[in-house]
Amino acid sequence: MQIVRYQSERADEWNAFVKASKNGTFLIDRRYMDYHQERFDDHSLMFYDDRQLLAVLPAHVEGDTLHSHQGLTYGGLIMSEQCTVKTVCDIFGALKNYLSQAGINRVVYKTIPHIYHRQPSEEDLYALFKVCHARLIGRDVASVIHTADAAKWHRDRRYAANKSHTNGILVDKCDDYGVFWPILRDNLQRTYGAEPVHSLEEIERLHALFPNNIRLFVARKSDGTPLAGTVLYVTPQVVHAQYISASPDGKRLHAVDALYDRIIRHDFAQWSFIDFGKSSEEDGHVLNESLIWQKEGFGARAVCYDRYEISTIEKL
């Protein structure tokens, strides 16, 4: 097993591999990963066997710790269709040796939730247990609709969606992210004292690179005034809500319910899963009950985003 540290001249090879992999998405494409490369000391790895690329690991280092890339929602080992359980166990054994020799004593590893897998891809979970004796250190809970067999909407959500139509709320696709970003920033500031992860310039640049994967829907009054919006990350079987926000007026008029009534029942009804994202903080120890209640009202149920810790120092 040969491990090669990623360099920019391998970008085309990396991207082609991710596109053909059984569990990669456009977030692992270097054009997405590298939009904020100045914030991280990249230490992504590529795993070869007899010159055949078998897997890649998006990662960066802080001190003596290798992190599954913290600029990504998920991002464990991205595997080819040829990867078997034994292959992945060999990869993790080689990874521990490589990191130990590099003076990296610890790994924080984020798994990719199964809903994003195009084929079953939990070989890494077994290798974490068998080879690495990894310890679960974080479990965030997300809310996901399985569209083929979704739970019923809560009556409050159904009432709100109907009320939004009575209020004349219109929903449309939009390529002008500047329409939504002031609503998003104001809502995050008022609610959490926070800023969006992406600046307006960054999300516009990413949308230009991935126009089919990053999409914006906006809810408006009949006079065109924007009330709410959602930025969706679209992958082969999952539609992930990267951002959802409404203005105070939009909340009063149930604009978010209008948005998701259309998205769930019309524009993305053929997708397997709608992922509303996480509702927990502090490694999963704090649950935002009001936030998850709203998501579960649309018929969403729990899928976990896990983080594991691996020590590369052998215990005597």
Protein backbone atom coordinates (compact mmCIF):
# COMPACT_ATOMS: atom_id res chain seq x y z
CA MET A 1 0.00 0.00 0.00
CA GLN A 2 1.47 3.36 -1.08
CA ILE A 3 0.26 6.58 0.57
CA VAL A 4 0.82 9.85 -1.29
CA ARG A 5 0.13 13.28 0.16
CA TYR A 6 -2.15 15.25 -2.15
CA GLN A 7 -0.59 18.06 -4.20
CA SER A 8 -2.40 20.44 -6.55
CA GLU A 9 -0.93 18.78 -9.65
CA ARG A 10 -3.00 15.71 -8.77
CA ALA A 11 -6.30 17.66 -8.75
CA ASP A 12 -7.63 16.16 -11.99
CA GLU A 13 -6.83 12.63 -10.83
CA TRP A 14 -8.43 13.31 -7.43
CA ASN A 15 -11.60 14.79 -8.94
CA ALA A 16 -12.04 12.01 -11.49
CA PHE A 17 -11.66 9.43 -8.73
CA VAL A 18 -14.22 11.13 -6.45
CA LYS A 19 -16.73 11.36 -9.29
CA ALA A 20 -16.43 7.60 -9.97
CA SER A 21 -16.26 6.55 -6.31
CA LYS A 22 -19.01 4.76 -4.44
CA ASN A 23 -19.41 7.33 -1.66
CA GLY A 24 -17.98 10.67 -2.83
CA THR A 25 -19.96 13.84 -3.55
CA PHE A 26 -19.12 17.20 -5.12
CA LEU A 27 -18.05 18.50 -1.69
CA ILE A 28 -14.94 16.30 -2.01
CA ASP A 29 -14.08 17.80 -5.42
CA ARG A 30 -10.95 19.93 -5.01
CA ARG A 31 -12.67 22.91 -6.64
CA TYR A 32 -15.11 22.90 -3.72
CA MET A 33 -12.62 21.92 -1.00
CA ASP A 34 -10.05 24.51 -1.97
CA TYR A 35 -12.30 27.59 -1.94
CA HIS A 36 -11.11 28.21 1.65
CA GLN A 37 -7.73 26.50 1.44
CA GLU A 38 -5.95 29.37 3.19
CA ARG A 39 -7.81 28.47 6.43
CA PHE A 40 -6.41 24.93 6.64
CA ASP A 41 -3.05 23.16 6.46
CA ASP A 42 -4.15 20.55 3.93
CA HIS A 43 -2.86 17.03 4.46
CA SER A 44 -5.20 15.04 2.23
CA LEU A 45 -4.00 11.56 1.32
CA MET A 46 -4.26 9.23 -1.68
CA PHE A 47 -3.95 5.44 -1.32
CA TYR A 48 -2.53 3.31 -4.13
CA ASP A 49 -2.02 -0.41 -4.60
CA ASP A 50 0.19 -1.36 -7.53
CA ARG A 51 -0.35 2.14 -9.02
CA GLN A 52 -4.14 1.80 -8.80
CA LEU A 53 -5.83 4.56 -6.81
CA LEU A 54 -8.13 2.85 -4.31
CA ALA A 55 -9.16 5.63 -1.92
CA VAL A 56 -8.63 9.25 -0.94
CA LEU A 57 -8.96 10.97 2.44
CA PRO A 58 -9.74 14.71 2.59
CA ALA A 59 -7.90 15.99 5.65
CA HIS A 60 -5.82 18.72 7.27
CA VAL A 61 -3.45 18.92 10.24
CA GLU A 62 -3.45 20.97 13.42
CA GLY A 63 -0.45 20.31 15.64
CA ASP A 64 -0.14 16.54 16.07
CA THR A 65 -3.73 15.84 14.93
CA LEU A 66 -5.02 14.87 11.50
CA HIS A 67 -8.63 15.98 11.04
CA SER A 68 -11.17 14.74 8.56
CA HIS A 69 -11.46 18.06 6.79
CA GLN A 70 -13.24 20.49 9.13
CA GLY A 71 -14.28 22.65 6.19
CA LEU A 72 -16.64 19.86 5.06
CA THR A 73 -19.92 18.63 6.51
CA TYR A 74 -18.66 15.06 6.16
CA GLY A 75 -15.57 13.52 4.67
CA GLY A 76 -14.15 10.16 5.68
CA LEU A 77 -12.44 7.70 3.36
CA ILE A 78 -13.68 7.99 -0.25
CA MET A 79 -13.51 4.56 -1.81
CA SER A 80 -13.52 2.97 -5.25
CA GLU A 81 -15.94 0.20 -6.13
CA GLN A 82 -13.00 -2.24 -5.87
CA CYS A 83 -12.54 -1.57 -2.13
CA THR A 84 -13.35 -4.61 0.00
CA VAL A 85 -13.36 -4.91 3.78
CA LYS A 86 -9.84 -6.37 3.73
CA THR A 87 -8.61 -3.60 1.43
CA VAL A 88 -9.94 -0.90 3.74
CA CYS A 89 -8.53 -2.63 6.82
CA ASP A 90 -5.14 -2.64 5.03
CA ILE A 91 -5.58 1.06 4.22
CA PHE A 92 -6.21 1.97 7.86
CA GLY A 93 -3.27 -0.15 9.03
CA ALA A 94 -1.00 1.63 6.55
CA LEU A 95 -2.49 4.99 7.56
CA LYS A 96 -1.63 4.45 11.23
CA ASN A 97 1.97 3.61 10.34
CA TYR A 98 2.27 6.58 7.97
CA LEU A 99 0.94 9.06 10.53
CA SER A 100 3.02 7.65 13.38
CA GLN A 101 6.18 8.09 11.31
CA ALA A 102 5.08 11.64 10.43
CA GLY A 103 4.73 12.55 14.12
CA ILE A 104 0.92 12.72 13.93
CA ASN A 105 -0.38 11.03 17.07
CA ARG A 106 -4.14 11.47 16.74
CA VAL A 107 -6.87 11.37 14.07
CA VAL A 108 -10.33 12.89 14.30
CA TYR A 109 -12.34 11.04 11.66
CA LYS A 110 -15.76 12.08 10.33
CA THR A 111 -17.89 9.44 8.67
CA ILE A 112 -20.09 9.98 5.63
CA PRO A 113 -23.72 9.17 6.54
CA HIS A 114 -25.04 6.15 4.67
CA ILE A 115 -27.69 8.17 2.82
CA TYR A 116 -24.91 9.70 0.67
CA HIS A 117 -23.49 6.32 -0.40
CA ARG A 118 -24.21 5.27 -3.97
CA GLN A 119 -23.23 1.74 -2.93
CA PRO A 120 -22.89 0.34 0.61
CA SER A 121 -19.67 1.90 1.89
CA GLU A 122 -19.27 1.20 5.60
CA GLU A 123 -16.00 -0.71 5.31
CA ASP A 124 -14.37 2.18 7.14
CA LEU A 125 -16.65 1.72 10.16
CA TYR A 126 -15.49 -1.86 10.51
CA ALA A 127 -11.84 -0.88 10.06
CA LEU A 128 -12.20 1.86 12.68
CA PHE A 129 -13.36 -0.83 15.13
CA LYS A 130 -11.07 -3.72 14.19
CA VAL A 131 -7.83 -2.03 13.14
CA CYS A 132 -7.88 1.34 14.89
CA HIS A 133 -9.82 0.59 18.10
CA ALA A 134 -11.39 4.01 17.53
CA ARG A 135 -13.44 5.85 20.13
CA LEU A 136 -16.72 7.60 19.32
CA ILE A 137 -16.29 11.23 20.40
CA GLY A 138 -19.19 13.00 18.71
CA ARG A 139 -22.64 12.16 17.37
CA ASP A 140 -24.70 14.93 15.80
CA VAL A 141 -28.28 14.23 14.85
CA ALA A 142 -29.71 15.36 11.52
CA SER A 143 -33.30 15.15 10.32
CA VAL A 144 -33.89 13.33 7.03
CA ILE A 145 -36.96 12.56 4.96
CA HIS A 146 -36.99 9.19 3.20
CA THR A 147 -39.19 10.30 0.33
CA ALA A 148 -40.34 6.80 -0.69
CA ASP A 149 -41.82 6.13 2.75
CA ALA A 150 -41.95 9.45 4.60
CA ALA A 151 -43.66 10.01 7.91
CA LYS A 152 -46.73 12.23 7.75
CA TRP A 153 -46.40 15.97 8.17
CA HIS A 154 -47.37 17.26 11.59
CA ARG A 155 -50.69 19.08 11.47
CA ASP A 156 -48.96 22.36 12.45
CA ARG A 157 -46.69 22.15 9.37
CA ARG A 158 -49.60 21.22 7.12
CA TYR A 159 -51.65 24.13 8.48
CA ALA A 160 -48.71 26.52 8.02
CA ALA A 161 -48.13 25.40 4.41
CA ASN A 162 -51.80 25.89 3.60
CA LYS A 163 -51.78 29.27 5.33
CA SER A 164 -48.75 30.36 3.28
CA HIS A 165 -50.71 29.73 0.09
CA THR A 166 -53.63 31.70 1.48
CA ASN A 167 -51.15 34.50 2.20
CA GLY A 168 -50.16 34.52 -1.48
CA ILE A 169 -46.57 33.34 -0.94
CA LEU A 170 -44.81 32.47 -4.21
CA VAL A 171 -41.76 30.19 -4.45
CA ASP A 172 -39.28 30.17 -7.31
CA LYS A 173 -35.76 29.08 -8.19
CA CYS A 174 -33.28 31.94 -8.09
CA ASP A 175 -29.67 32.44 -9.19
CA ASP A 176 -29.28 35.79 -7.40
CA TYR A 177 -27.82 34.86 -4.01
CA GLY A 178 -27.68 38.53 -3.09
CA VAL A 179 -31.49 38.41 -2.69
CA PHE A 180 -31.24 35.82 0.10
CA TRP A 181 -27.96 36.61 1.86
CA PRO A 182 -29.20 39.68 3.82
CA ILE A 183 -32.11 37.60 5.17
CA LEU A 184 -29.73 34.78 6.11
CA ARG A 185 -27.17 37.05 7.79
CA ASP A 186 -29.82 38.97 9.73
CA ASN A 187 -31.49 35.78 10.95
CA LEU A 188 -28.21 34.17 12.05
CA GLN A 189 -27.14 37.34 13.83
CA ARG A 190 -30.43 37.72 15.69
CA THR A 191 -30.76 34.04 16.58
CA TYR A 192 -27.20 32.86 17.19
CA GLY A 193 -24.95 35.91 16.95
CA ALA A 194 -23.24 34.15 14.04
CA GLU A 195 -22.32 34.66 10.38
CA PRO A 196 -22.94 32.23 7.47
CA VAL A 197 -20.09 29.77 6.92
CA HIS A 198 -19.82 31.12 3.36
CA SER A 199 -19.59 34.77 2.41
CA LEU A 200 -21.83 35.94 -0.42
CA GLU A 201 -18.81 36.04 -2.74
CA GLU A 202 -17.83 32.48 -1.81
CA ILE A 203 -21.28 30.98 -2.37
CA GLU A 204 -21.59 32.81 -5.70
CA ARG A 205 -18.24 31.42 -6.80
CA LEU A 206 -19.18 27.89 -5.72
CA HIS A 207 -22.54 28.11 -7.46
CA ALA A 208 -20.76 29.16 -10.67
CA LEU A 209 -18.54 26.06 -10.36
CA PHE A 210 -21.37 23.67 -9.44
CA PRO A 211 -24.60 25.15 -10.86
CA ASN A 212 -26.43 21.81 -10.84
CA ASN A 213 -25.37 20.95 -7.30
CA ILE A 214 -25.86 24.26 -5.48
CA ARG A 215 -29.32 25.75 -5.91
CA LEU A 216 -31.31 28.54 -4.30
CA PHE A 217 -35.08 28.72 -3.79
CA VAL A 218 -36.72 31.94 -2.57
CA ALA A 219 -40.20 32.60 -1.16
CA ARG A 220 -41.68 36.02 -1.91
CA LYS A 221 -44.76 38.11 -1.38
CA SER A 222 -46.94 38.64 -4.42
CA ASP A 223 -45.26 42.05 -4.89
CA GLY A 224 -41.84 40.35 -5.19
CA THR A 225 -40.54 41.13 -1.69
CA PRO A 226 -38.25 38.24 -0.57
CA LEU A 227 -39.32 36.61 2.68
CA ALA A 228 -37.25 33.43 2.99
CA GLY A 229 -34.84 31.19 1.15
CA THR A 230 -32.97 27.93 1.24
CA VAL A 231 -29.67 26.93 -0.35
CA LEU A 232 -29.72 23.28 -1.38
CA TYR A 233 -26.73 21.01 -1.96
CA VAL A 234 -27.92 18.44 -4.50
CA THR A 235 -26.15 15.08 -4.77
CA PRO A 236 -27.29 11.95 -6.65
CA GLN A 237 -29.74 10.76 -4.00
CA VAL A 238 -29.71 13.44 -1.30
CA VAL A 239 -30.91 17.05 -1.26
CA HIS A 240 -29.22 18.73 1.70
CA ALA A 241 -30.47 22.04 3.13
CA GLN A 242 -27.22 23.95 3.60
CA TYR A 243 -29.02 27.13 4.69
CA ILE A 244 -32.64 27.92 5.64
CA SER A 245 -33.72 31.37 6.84
CA ALA A 246 -36.71 33.69 6.89
CA SER A 247 -37.19 37.35 7.72
CA PRO A 248 -39.48 38.22 10.67
CA ASP A 249 -42.25 38.88 8.16
CA GLY A 250 -41.46 35.59 6.43
CA LYS A 251 -41.80 33.70 9.70
CA ARG A 252 -45.15 35.33 10.39
CA LEU A 253 -46.39 34.38 6.92
CA HIS A 254 -45.01 30.79 7.07
CA ALA A 255 -42.68 31.29 4.10
CA VAL A 256 -40.38 28.37 5.01
CA ASP A 257 -43.35 26.01 4.96
CA ALA A 258 -44.19 27.25 1.47
CA LEU A 259 -40.60 26.63 0.37
CA TYR A 260 -40.49 23.04 1.55
CA ASP A 261 -43.99 22.22 0.45
CA ARG A 262 -42.76 22.86 -3.09
CA ILE A 263 -39.29 21.35 -2.70
CA ILE A 264 -40.45 18.11 -1.06
CA ARG A 265 -43.59 17.55 -3.09
CA HIS A 266 -42.54 18.85 -6.50
CA ASP A 267 -38.98 19.84 -7.45
CA PHE A 268 -37.18 17.02 -5.59
CA ALA A 269 -39.90 14.45 -5.11
CA GLN A 270 -37.81 11.89 -7.06
CA TRP A 271 -34.77 12.17 -4.81
CA SER A 272 -34.34 9.44 -2.19
CA PHE A 273 -33.62 11.70 0.78
CA ILE A 274 -34.13 15.29 1.92
CA ASP A 275 -31.54 16.13 4.60
CA PHE A 276 -32.45 19.14 6.76
CA GLY A 277 -29.07 19.02 8.49
CA LYS A 278 -28.03 18.90 12.12
CA SER A 279 -29.94 20.16 15.14
CA SER A 280 -27.29 19.42 17.78
CA GLU A 281 -24.20 21.21 19.06
CA GLU A 282 -21.15 20.55 21.23
CA ASP A 283 -20.41 17.14 19.71
CA GLY A 284 -24.07 16.19 19.99
CA HIS A 285 -24.45 16.79 23.72
CA VAL A 286 -26.79 19.79 23.20
CA LEU A 287 -30.01 19.29 21.25
CA ASN A 288 -31.89 22.27 19.81
CA GLU A 289 -35.35 20.88 20.50
CA SER A 290 -37.34 23.65 18.83
CA LEU A 291 -35.25 23.40 15.65
CA ILE A 292 -35.50 19.63 15.37
CA TRP A 293 -39.23 19.78 16.16
CA GLN A 294 -39.76 21.98 13.11
CA LYS A 295 -37.80 19.59 10.87
CA GLU A 296 -39.54 16.52 12.23
CA GLY A 297 -42.82 18.27 11.51
CA PHE A 298 -42.07 17.80 7.78
CA GLY A 299 -41.80 14.03 8.33
CA ALA A 300 -38.02 13.93 8.84
CA ARG A 301 -36.40 11.40 11.18
CA ALA A 302 -32.92 10.90 12.60
CA VAL A 303 -29.67 10.16 10.78
CA CYS A 304 -26.41 10.54 12.72
CA TYR A 305 -23.19 12.29 11.73
CA ASP A 306 -20.41 10.61 13.74
CA ARG A 307 -16.84 11.52 14.67
CA TYR A 308 -14.22 9.08 15.92
CA GLU A 309 -10.82 9.48 17.56
CA ILE A 310 -7.90 7.27 16.56
CA SER A 311 -4.58 7.10 18.38
CA THR A 312 -1.54 6.26 16.26
CA ILE A 313 0.56 5.57 19.38
CA GLU A 314 0.64 1.89 20.23
CA LYS A 315 -0.18 1.19 23.88
CA LEU A 316 2.25 -1.13 25.72
